[in-house]
Amino acid sequence: SKPTDAKQRVILDPAQLKITLPGKDSLLKWNLNTLNGVVTRLFLEMNGETVQTAVKVGELVLTIRLERQQVTKLGLHPGSAVNLSYDPQEIEWQ
């Protein structure tokens, strides 16, 4: 549950985030919250299969790892608008 102390932090594991394109969000039928963001950077890791994807949400930049196939399937590039969905039960308050 959300704390009453305004100085606490929210911890959300980036691996728990689901990335989708606006208007193509089939995850909305689940009990998920969504953050709207813009891809700012894509970096192919040395294994050639994983892409570090930086998404700016407000003043925060969240970096998540995606499979190269998923980046291609979604057509992601810097400037792409995306939705990051997460289960509110996955939030940890500190």
C-alpha atoms as a PDB file:
ATOM      1  CA  SER A   1       0.000   0.000   0.000  1.00  0.00           C
ATOM      2  CA  LYS A   2       1.069   3.567  -0.615  1.00  0.00           C
ATOM      3  CA  PRO A   3       2.898   5.139   2.341  1.00  0.00           C
ATOM      4  CA  THR A   4       1.791   8.361   3.967  1.00  0.00           C
ATOM      5  CA  ASP A   5       5.350   9.762   4.215  1.00  0.00           C
ATOM      6  CA  ALA A   6       5.968  11.909   1.110  1.00  0.00           C
ATOM      7  CA  LYS A   7       9.740  11.305   1.331  1.00  0.00           C
ATOM      8  CA  GLN A   8       9.563   7.601   0.533  1.00  0.00           C
ATOM      9  CA  ARG A   9      10.773   6.125  -2.742  1.00  0.00           C
ATOM     10  CA  VAL A  10       9.085   3.834  -5.217  1.00  0.00           C
ATOM     11  CA  ILE A  11      11.032   0.831  -6.464  1.00  0.00           C
ATOM     12  CA  LEU A  12       9.856  -0.924  -9.621  1.00  0.00           C
ATOM     13  CA  ASP A  13      11.962  -3.594 -11.312  1.00  0.00           C
ATOM     14  CA  PRO A  14      12.391  -2.591 -14.998  1.00  0.00           C
ATOM     15  CA  ALA A  15      12.155  -6.274 -15.926  1.00  0.00           C
ATOM     16  CA  GLN A  16       8.507  -6.143 -14.782  1.00  0.00           C
ATOM     17  CA  LEU A  17       7.598  -3.377 -17.262  1.00  0.00           C
ATOM     18  CA  LYS A  18       5.687  -4.289 -20.431  1.00  0.00           C
ATOM     19  CA  ILE A  19       6.273  -2.012 -23.419  1.00  0.00           C
ATOM     20  CA  THR A  20       3.540  -1.392 -25.993  1.00  0.00           C
ATOM     21  CA  LEU A  21       2.634   1.186 -28.611  1.00  0.00           C
ATOM     22  CA  PRO A  22      -0.129   3.721 -27.857  1.00  0.00           C
ATOM     23  CA  GLY A  23      -3.481   2.563 -29.214  1.00  0.00           C
ATOM     24  CA  LYS A  24      -2.258  -1.018 -29.563  1.00  0.00           C
ATOM     25  CA  ASP A  25      -2.292  -1.836 -25.875  1.00  0.00           C
ATOM     26  CA  SER A  26      -3.955  -5.212 -25.402  1.00  0.00           C
ATOM     27  CA  LEU A  27      -2.698  -5.183 -21.802  1.00  0.00           C
ATOM     28  CA  LEU A  28      -5.303  -2.621 -20.752  1.00  0.00           C
ATOM     29  CA  LYS A  29      -7.783  -5.394 -20.028  1.00  0.00           C
ATOM     30  CA  TRP A  30      -5.538  -6.527 -17.176  1.00  0.00           C
ATOM     31  CA  ASN A  31      -5.237  -4.667 -13.879  1.00  0.00           C
ATOM     32  CA  LEU A  32      -2.159  -2.683 -14.948  1.00  0.00           C
ATOM     33  CA  ASN A  33      -1.094   0.932 -14.613  1.00  0.00           C
ATOM     34  CA  THR A  34       0.481   2.682 -17.589  1.00  0.00           C
ATOM     35  CA  LEU A  35       3.175   5.327 -17.968  1.00  0.00           C
ATOM     36  CA  ASN A  36       3.398   7.262 -21.244  1.00  0.00           C
ATOM     37  CA  GLY A  37       6.904   7.866 -22.527  1.00  0.00           C
ATOM     38  CA  VAL A  38       9.199   8.472 -25.477  1.00  0.00           C
ATOM     39  CA  VAL A  39      12.148   6.302 -26.531  1.00  0.00           C
ATOM     40  CA  THR A  40      15.316   8.388 -26.227  1.00  0.00           C
ATOM     41  CA  ARG A  41      18.034   5.811 -26.907  1.00  0.00           C
ATOM     42  CA  LEU A  42      18.496   2.266 -28.181  1.00  0.00           C
ATOM     43  CA  PHE A  43      21.761   0.454 -27.482  1.00  0.00           C
ATOM     44  CA  LEU A  44      22.471  -3.035 -28.852  1.00  0.00           C
ATOM     45  CA  GLU A  45      24.329  -5.064 -26.226  1.00  0.00           C
ATOM     46  CA  MET A  46      27.408  -7.076 -27.171  1.00  0.00           C
ATOM     47  CA  ASN A  47      25.435 -10.335 -27.298  1.00  0.00           C
ATOM     48  CA  GLY A  48      23.639  -8.918 -30.365  1.00  0.00           C
ATOM     49  CA  GLU A  49      20.246 -10.048 -29.061  1.00  0.00           C
ATOM     50  CA  THR A  50      19.379  -7.602 -26.283  1.00  0.00           C
ATOM     51  CA  VAL A  51      18.697  -3.889 -26.682  1.00  0.00           C
ATOM     52  CA  GLN A  52      18.935  -1.424 -23.807  1.00  0.00           C
ATOM     53  CA  THR A  53      15.976   0.869 -24.410  1.00  0.00           C
ATOM     54  CA  ALA A  54      15.859   4.239 -22.641  1.00  0.00           C
ATOM     55  CA  VAL A  55      12.369   5.703 -22.243  1.00  0.00           C
ATOM     56  CA  LYS A  56      11.765   9.214 -20.923  1.00  0.00           C
ATOM     57  CA  VAL A  57       8.694   9.456 -18.700  1.00  0.00           C
ATOM     58  CA  GLY A  58       8.255  13.018 -17.467  1.00  0.00           C
ATOM     59  CA  GLU A  59      11.604  13.965 -15.938  1.00  0.00           C
ATOM     60  CA  LEU A  60      12.703  10.342 -15.444  1.00  0.00           C
ATOM     61  CA  VAL A  61      14.567   8.126 -17.884  1.00  0.00           C
ATOM     62  CA  LEU A  62      13.870   4.421 -17.413  1.00  0.00           C
ATOM     63  CA  THR A  63      16.136   1.868 -19.078  1.00  0.00           C
ATOM     64  CA  ILE A  64      14.728  -1.542 -19.861  1.00  0.00           C
ATOM     65  CA  ARG A  65      16.221  -4.495 -21.721  1.00  0.00           C
ATOM     66  CA  LEU A  66      14.261  -5.811 -24.673  1.00  0.00           C
ATOM     67  CA  GLU A  67      14.907  -8.643 -27.083  1.00  0.00           C
ATOM     68  CA  ARG A  68      16.101  -7.336 -30.443  1.00  0.00           C
ATOM     69  CA  GLN A  69      13.109  -9.041 -32.115  1.00  0.00           C
ATOM     70  CA  GLN A  70      10.668  -7.095 -29.926  1.00  0.00           C
ATOM     71  CA  VAL A  71      12.314  -3.768 -30.808  1.00  0.00           C
ATOM     72  CA  THR A  72      12.030  -4.650 -34.510  1.00  0.00           C
ATOM     73  CA  LYS A  73       8.436  -5.906 -34.172  1.00  0.00           C
ATOM     74  CA  LEU A  74       7.355  -2.685 -32.435  1.00  0.00           C
ATOM     75  CA  GLY A  75       9.376  -0.530 -34.876  1.00  0.00           C
ATOM     76  CA  LEU A  76      11.023   1.334 -32.006  1.00  0.00           C
ATOM     77  CA  HIS A  77      13.410   4.195 -32.683  1.00  0.00           C
ATOM     78  CA  PRO A  78      14.412   7.359 -30.798  1.00  0.00           C
ATOM     79  CA  GLY A  79      11.299   9.521 -30.705  1.00  0.00           C
ATOM     80  CA  SER A  80       8.829   6.599 -30.648  1.00  0.00           C
ATOM     81  CA  ALA A  81       5.900   7.137 -28.277  1.00  0.00           C
ATOM     82  CA  VAL A  82       5.411   4.089 -26.038  1.00  0.00           C
ATOM     83  CA  ASN A  83       3.416   2.909 -23.055  1.00  0.00           C
ATOM     84  CA  LEU A  84       5.102   1.177 -20.132  1.00  0.00           C
ATOM     85  CA  SER A  85       2.637  -0.968 -18.204  1.00  0.00           C
ATOM     86  CA  TYR A  86       3.166  -2.488 -14.787  1.00  0.00           C
ATOM     87  CA  ASP A  87       1.261  -4.325 -12.099  1.00  0.00           C
ATOM     88  CA  PRO A  88       0.726  -2.005  -9.107  1.00  0.00           C
ATOM     89  CA  GLN A  89       1.296  -5.039  -6.846  1.00  0.00           C
ATOM     90  CA  GLU A  90       4.936  -5.081  -8.046  1.00  0.00           C
ATOM     91  CA  ILE A  91       5.714  -1.658  -6.513  1.00  0.00           C
ATOM     92  CA  GLU A  92       7.944  -1.625  -3.454  1.00  0.00           C
ATOM     93  CA  TRP A  93       7.884   1.434  -1.173  1.00  0.00           C
ATOM     94  CA  GLN A  94      10.992   2.446   0.800  1.00  0.00           C
END
